[in-house]
Amino acid sequence: MHQKAFPVIDPVATGANILRLRRARGLSVRALQAYFGFEEPQAIYKWQKGKSLPSVDNLYALGALLEVPLEEILVSAKPKLHRIVCEQQADACCSPHFHVMFVQRRWMRQKRKAA
């Protein structure tokens, strides 16, 4: 039984990446603030610290400003779910439905801990 890992964005690593790309282009936080039309720079600082992620349209605009594809801005989180353990537990169970529920519950617990 093989399952594809659910992709998750690492907000802290993505924020560090936004900071790195901004600095590499010689742009200030105030320059990004003006570009996005924000009254205050807090949103930019939150992105850079990984406390929030840009909305899809702001992410698209950020990629255009920094002249990089979105995939170069976003950083994928390392999967924390060990597939071998789940597959062994699924094999021990008689229902494949149980395996899906088990994986979903474990993923939700990990997501709540990370938040």
N, C-alpha and C. Protein backbone atom coordinates (compact mmCIF):
# COMPACT_ATOMS: atom_id res chain seq x y z
N MET A 1 0.85 -1.17 0.00
CA MET A 1 0.00 0.00 0.00
C MET A 1 0.89 1.24 0.00
N HIS A 2 0.71 2.11 -0.99
CA HIS A 2 1.53 3.32 -1.09
C HIS A 2 0.62 4.53 -1.16
N GLN A 3 0.91 5.51 -0.32
CA GLN A 3 0.16 6.75 -0.36
C GLN A 3 1.11 7.91 -0.61
N LYS A 4 0.63 8.87 -1.36
CA LYS A 4 1.42 10.06 -1.61
C LYS A 4 1.26 10.99 -0.41
N ALA A 5 2.37 11.53 0.07
CA ALA A 5 2.32 12.44 1.22
C ALA A 5 1.57 13.71 0.85
N PHE A 6 0.79 14.21 1.79
CA PHE A 6 0.05 15.45 1.61
C PHE A 6 1.02 16.61 1.73
N PRO A 7 1.13 17.47 0.71
CA PRO A 7 2.10 18.57 0.76
C PRO A 7 1.68 19.65 1.75
N VAL A 8 2.63 20.10 2.54
CA VAL A 8 2.38 21.13 3.54
C VAL A 8 3.47 22.19 3.42
N ILE A 9 3.09 23.45 3.53
CA ILE A 9 4.04 24.55 3.46
C ILE A 9 4.61 24.80 4.85
N ASP A 10 5.91 24.98 4.93
CA ASP A 10 6.58 25.35 6.18
C ASP A 10 6.57 26.88 6.26
N PRO A 11 5.72 27.46 7.12
CA PRO A 11 5.60 28.92 7.14
C PRO A 11 6.87 29.64 7.62
N VAL A 12 7.58 29.06 8.57
CA VAL A 12 8.79 29.71 9.09
C VAL A 12 9.89 29.71 8.02
N ALA A 13 10.10 28.58 7.38
CA ALA A 13 11.11 28.50 6.32
C ALA A 13 10.72 29.35 5.12
N THR A 14 9.43 29.40 4.82
CA THR A 14 8.95 30.25 3.72
C THR A 14 9.18 31.72 4.06
N GLY A 15 8.91 32.10 5.31
CA GLY A 15 9.15 33.48 5.74
C GLY A 15 10.62 33.86 5.63
N ALA A 16 11.49 32.95 6.04
CA ALA A 16 12.93 33.20 5.93
C ALA A 16 13.32 33.34 4.46
N ASN A 17 12.67 32.59 3.61
CA ASN A 17 12.92 32.65 2.18
C ASN A 17 12.47 33.99 1.60
N ILE A 18 11.31 34.46 2.04
CA ILE A 18 10.82 35.77 1.59
C ILE A 18 11.80 36.86 2.01
N LEU A 19 12.27 36.78 3.26
CA LEU A 19 13.25 37.75 3.76
C LEU A 19 14.53 37.71 2.92
N ARG A 20 15.03 36.52 2.64
CA ARG A 20 16.26 36.36 1.85
C ARG A 20 16.09 36.93 0.44
N LEU A 21 14.98 36.58 -0.20
CA LEU A 21 14.73 37.06 -1.56
C LEU A 21 14.55 38.58 -1.60
N ARG A 22 13.86 39.12 -0.61
CA ARG A 22 13.66 40.58 -0.54
C ARG A 22 15.00 41.29 -0.42
N ARG A 23 15.83 40.80 0.50
CA ARG A 23 17.14 41.42 0.70
C ARG A 23 18.03 41.27 -0.54
N ALA A 24 17.96 40.10 -1.17
CA ALA A 24 18.79 39.86 -2.36
C ALA A 24 18.42 40.83 -3.49
N ARG A 25 17.17 41.27 -3.53
CA ARG A 25 16.73 42.22 -4.55
C ARG A 25 16.93 43.66 -4.11
N GLY A 26 17.45 43.86 -2.89
CA GLY A 26 17.69 45.21 -2.40
C GLY A 26 16.42 45.96 -2.05
N LEU A 27 15.36 45.23 -1.70
CA LEU A 27 14.08 45.87 -1.38
C LEU A 27 13.90 45.97 0.14
N SER A 28 13.34 47.08 0.58
CA SER A 28 13.04 47.26 2.01
C SER A 28 11.63 46.75 2.30
N VAL A 29 11.35 46.60 3.59
CA VAL A 29 9.99 46.23 4.00
C VAL A 29 9.02 47.34 3.56
N ARG A 30 9.44 48.57 3.70
CA ARG A 30 8.60 49.70 3.28
C ARG A 30 8.32 49.68 1.78
N ALA A 31 9.28 49.21 0.99
CA ALA A 31 9.06 49.11 -0.45
C ALA A 31 7.99 48.06 -0.75
N LEU A 32 8.03 46.94 -0.03
CA LEU A 32 6.99 45.92 -0.21
C LEU A 32 5.64 46.44 0.27
N GLN A 33 5.65 47.16 1.38
CA GLN A 33 4.42 47.74 1.91
C GLN A 33 3.78 48.64 0.86
N ALA A 34 4.57 49.50 0.24
CA ALA A 34 4.06 50.40 -0.79
C ALA A 34 3.58 49.62 -2.01
N TYR A 35 4.32 48.60 -2.41
CA TYR A 35 3.96 47.79 -3.58
C TYR A 35 2.59 47.13 -3.38
N PHE A 36 2.36 46.60 -2.18
CA PHE A 36 1.09 45.92 -1.91
C PHE A 36 -0.02 46.89 -1.50
N GLY A 37 0.34 48.14 -1.22
CA GLY A 37 -0.67 49.12 -0.83
C GLY A 37 -1.15 48.94 0.60
N PHE A 38 -0.30 48.36 1.46
CA PHE A 38 -0.67 48.17 2.86
C PHE A 38 -0.47 49.48 3.61
N GLU A 39 -1.37 49.78 4.55
CA GLU A 39 -1.22 50.98 5.37
C GLU A 39 -0.06 50.83 6.36
N GLU A 40 0.14 49.63 6.85
CA GLU A 40 1.19 49.34 7.83
C GLU A 40 2.03 48.17 7.33
N PRO A 41 3.28 48.03 7.80
CA PRO A 41 4.15 46.96 7.32
C PRO A 41 3.99 45.63 8.07
N GLN A 42 3.08 45.54 9.04
CA GLN A 42 2.97 44.35 9.88
C GLN A 42 2.78 43.06 9.09
N ALA A 43 2.02 43.11 8.01
CA ALA A 43 1.79 41.89 7.21
C ALA A 43 3.10 41.37 6.66
N ILE A 44 3.95 42.25 6.19
CA ILE A 44 5.25 41.84 5.63
C ILE A 44 6.10 41.19 6.73
N TYR A 45 6.13 41.82 7.91
CA TYR A 45 6.91 41.26 9.03
C TYR A 45 6.36 39.89 9.44
N LYS A 46 5.03 39.74 9.44
CA LYS A 46 4.43 38.44 9.78
C LYS A 46 4.81 37.38 8.77
N TRP A 47 4.84 37.73 7.49
CA TRP A 47 5.27 36.77 6.47
C TRP A 47 6.70 36.33 6.74
N GLN A 48 7.57 37.32 6.99
CA GLN A 48 9.00 37.03 7.16
C GLN A 48 9.28 36.21 8.41
N LYS A 49 8.46 36.34 9.43
CA LYS A 49 8.65 35.58 10.66
C LYS A 49 7.92 34.23 10.62
N GLY A 50 7.14 34.00 9.57
CA GLY A 50 6.40 32.75 9.45
C GLY A 50 5.15 32.70 10.31
N LYS A 51 4.68 33.85 10.76
CA LYS A 51 3.46 33.90 11.57
C LYS A 51 2.22 33.83 10.70
N SER A 52 2.37 34.20 9.43
CA SER A 52 1.29 34.06 8.45
C SER A 52 1.92 33.93 7.08
N LEU A 53 1.11 33.53 6.13
CA LEU A 53 1.56 33.40 4.75
C LEU A 53 0.79 34.40 3.88
N PRO A 54 1.40 34.87 2.81
CA PRO A 54 0.67 35.77 1.91
C PRO A 54 -0.54 35.04 1.31
N SER A 55 -1.59 35.80 1.04
CA SER A 55 -2.74 35.22 0.33
C SER A 55 -2.26 34.80 -1.06
N VAL A 56 -3.05 34.03 -1.75
CA VAL A 56 -2.65 33.53 -3.07
C VAL A 56 -2.37 34.69 -4.02
N ASP A 57 -3.23 35.71 -4.03
CA ASP A 57 -2.99 36.83 -4.94
C ASP A 57 -1.75 37.63 -4.54
N ASN A 58 -1.51 37.79 -3.22
CA ASN A 58 -0.30 38.48 -2.78
C ASN A 58 0.95 37.65 -3.06
N LEU A 59 0.83 36.35 -2.94
CA LEU A 59 1.96 35.47 -3.26
C LEU A 59 2.30 35.56 -4.74
N TYR A 60 1.29 35.60 -5.56
CA TYR A 60 1.48 35.74 -7.01
C TYR A 60 2.17 37.07 -7.34
N ALA A 61 1.69 38.15 -6.68
CA ALA A 61 2.29 39.47 -6.90
C ALA A 61 3.72 39.52 -6.36
N LEU A 62 3.97 38.84 -5.24
CA LEU A 62 5.32 38.80 -4.67
C LEU A 62 6.28 38.09 -5.62
N GLY A 63 5.83 37.01 -6.22
CA GLY A 63 6.65 36.31 -7.21
C GLY A 63 6.98 37.20 -8.40
N ALA A 64 6.00 37.98 -8.83
CA ALA A 64 6.24 38.90 -9.95
C ALA A 64 7.23 39.99 -9.56
N LEU A 65 7.07 40.54 -8.35
CA LEU A 65 7.98 41.58 -7.89
C LEU A 65 9.41 41.06 -7.74
N LEU A 66 9.54 39.88 -7.15
CA LEU A 66 10.87 39.30 -6.91
C LEU A 66 11.42 38.59 -8.14
N GLU A 67 10.59 38.48 -9.17
CA GLU A 67 10.96 37.81 -10.43
C GLU A 67 11.39 36.36 -10.22
N VAL A 68 10.58 35.65 -9.42
CA VAL A 68 10.82 34.23 -9.18
C VAL A 68 9.49 33.48 -9.26
N PRO A 69 9.52 32.20 -9.64
CA PRO A 69 8.27 31.43 -9.62
C PRO A 69 7.83 31.17 -8.17
N LEU A 70 6.56 30.93 -7.98
CA LEU A 70 6.01 30.70 -6.63
C LEU A 70 6.72 29.55 -5.92
N GLU A 71 7.12 28.54 -6.69
CA GLU A 71 7.79 27.39 -6.11
C GLU A 71 9.12 27.77 -5.47
N GLU A 72 9.68 28.89 -5.90
CA GLU A 72 10.95 29.35 -5.33
C GLU A 72 10.73 30.14 -4.04
N ILE A 73 9.51 30.59 -3.81
CA ILE A 73 9.19 31.31 -2.58
C ILE A 73 8.76 30.34 -1.49
N LEU A 74 7.88 29.43 -1.85
CA LEU A 74 7.33 28.49 -0.87
C LEU A 74 8.33 27.39 -0.53
N VAL A 75 8.34 27.00 0.76
CA VAL A 75 9.21 25.92 1.21
C VAL A 75 8.31 24.82 1.77
N SER A 76 8.50 23.62 1.29
CA SER A 76 7.71 22.48 1.72
C SER A 76 8.19 21.99 3.08
N ALA A 77 7.24 21.64 3.94
CA ALA A 77 7.58 21.06 5.24
C ALA A 77 7.96 19.60 5.05
N LYS A 78 8.84 19.13 5.91
CA LYS A 78 9.22 17.72 5.87
C LYS A 78 8.07 16.90 6.43
N PRO A 79 7.66 15.83 5.73
CA PRO A 79 6.56 15.02 6.27
C PRO A 79 6.98 14.37 7.58
N LYS A 80 6.11 14.46 8.57
CA LYS A 80 6.39 13.89 9.89
C LYS A 80 5.75 12.53 10.07
N LEU A 81 4.92 12.16 9.14
CA LEU A 81 4.22 10.89 9.24
C LEU A 81 5.08 9.79 8.65
N HIS A 82 5.39 8.79 9.42
CA HIS A 82 6.21 7.68 8.95
C HIS A 82 5.31 6.67 8.25
N ARG A 83 5.42 6.60 6.94
CA ARG A 83 4.54 5.76 6.14
C ARG A 83 4.70 4.27 6.46
N ILE A 84 5.91 3.81 6.76
CA ILE A 84 6.12 2.38 7.02
C ILE A 84 5.30 1.95 8.23
N VAL A 85 5.32 2.76 9.29
CA VAL A 85 4.56 2.43 10.50
C VAL A 85 3.08 2.37 10.16
N CYS A 86 2.58 3.34 9.42
CA CYS A 86 1.17 3.36 9.06
C CYS A 86 0.80 2.16 8.19
N GLU A 87 1.67 1.82 7.26
CA GLU A 87 1.38 0.68 6.39
C GLU A 87 1.36 -0.61 7.19
N GLN A 88 2.26 -0.76 8.15
CA GLN A 88 2.26 -1.96 8.97
C GLN A 88 0.98 -2.03 9.81
N GLN A 89 0.58 -0.89 10.35
CA GLN A 89 -0.64 -0.88 11.14
C GLN A 89 -1.86 -1.13 10.27
N ALA A 90 -1.84 -0.64 9.05
CA ALA A 90 -2.96 -0.87 8.13
C ALA A 90 -3.04 -2.33 7.75
N ASP A 91 -1.88 -2.96 7.56
CA ASP A 91 -1.87 -4.37 7.22
C ASP A 91 -2.44 -5.21 8.36
N ALA A 92 -2.23 -4.77 9.59
CA ALA A 92 -2.74 -5.51 10.74
C ALA A 92 -4.26 -5.37 10.86
N CYS A 93 -4.79 -4.35 10.31
CA CYS A 93 -6.23 -4.12 10.37
C CYS A 93 -6.90 -4.77 9.15
N CYS A 94 -8.14 -5.11 9.30
CA CYS A 94 -8.83 -5.79 8.20
C CYS A 94 -9.47 -4.83 7.20
N SER A 95 -9.58 -3.54 7.53
CA SER A 95 -10.28 -2.60 6.67
C SER A 95 -9.36 -1.49 6.16
N PRO A 96 -9.31 -1.29 4.83
CA PRO A 96 -8.52 -0.16 4.32
C PRO A 96 -9.10 1.19 4.75
N HIS A 97 -10.41 1.21 5.02
CA HIS A 97 -11.06 2.44 5.49
C HIS A 97 -10.45 2.87 6.83
N PHE A 98 -10.13 1.91 7.68
CA PHE A 98 -9.53 2.21 8.97
C PHE A 98 -8.20 2.91 8.77
N HIS A 99 -7.42 2.46 7.82
CA HIS A 99 -6.11 3.06 7.55
C HIS A 99 -6.24 4.52 7.16
N VAL A 100 -7.19 4.84 6.30
CA VAL A 100 -7.40 6.22 5.87
C VAL A 100 -7.79 7.07 7.07
N MET A 101 -8.69 6.57 7.91
CA MET A 101 -9.10 7.31 9.10
C MET A 101 -7.93 7.51 10.05
N PHE A 102 -7.10 6.47 10.22
CA PHE A 102 -5.95 6.55 11.10
C PHE A 102 -4.98 7.63 10.62
N VAL A 103 -4.67 7.65 9.34
CA VAL A 103 -3.74 8.63 8.77
C VAL A 103 -4.31 10.03 8.91
N GLN A 104 -5.61 10.20 8.63
CA GLN A 104 -6.24 11.52 8.73
C GLN A 104 -6.20 12.03 10.18
N ARG A 105 -6.52 11.17 11.14
CA ARG A 105 -6.52 11.59 12.54
C ARG A 105 -5.12 11.96 13.00
N ARG A 106 -4.14 11.18 12.62
CA ARG A 106 -2.76 11.45 13.01
C ARG A 106 -2.29 12.77 12.40
N TRP A 107 -2.63 12.99 11.13
CA TRP A 107 -2.25 14.23 10.45
C TRP A 107 -2.88 15.43 11.15
N MET A 108 -4.17 15.31 11.54
CA MET A 108 -4.87 16.41 12.20
C MET A 108 -4.24 16.71 13.56
N ARG A 109 -3.84 15.66 14.32
CA ARG A 109 -3.19 15.87 15.60
C ARG A 109 -1.87 16.61 15.43
N GLN A 110 -1.11 16.22 14.42
CA GLN A 110 0.18 16.88 14.17
C GLN A 110 -0.03 18.32 13.76
N LYS A 111 -1.05 18.57 12.98
CA LYS A 111 -1.35 19.92 12.52
C LYS A 111 -1.75 20.81 13.70
N ARG A 112 -2.54 20.25 14.65
CA ARG A 112 -2.95 21.02 15.83
C ARG A 112 -1.76 21.32 16.74
N LYS A 113 -0.85 20.38 16.87
CA LYS A 113 0.34 20.60 17.69
C LYS A 113 1.22 21.67 17.10
N ALA A 114 1.32 21.71 15.77
CA ALA A 114 2.16 22.69 15.10
C ALA A 114 1.58 24.10 15.20
N ALA A 115 0.25 24.18 15.34
CA ALA A 115 -0.40 25.51 15.35
C ALA A 115 -0.23 26.23 16.67
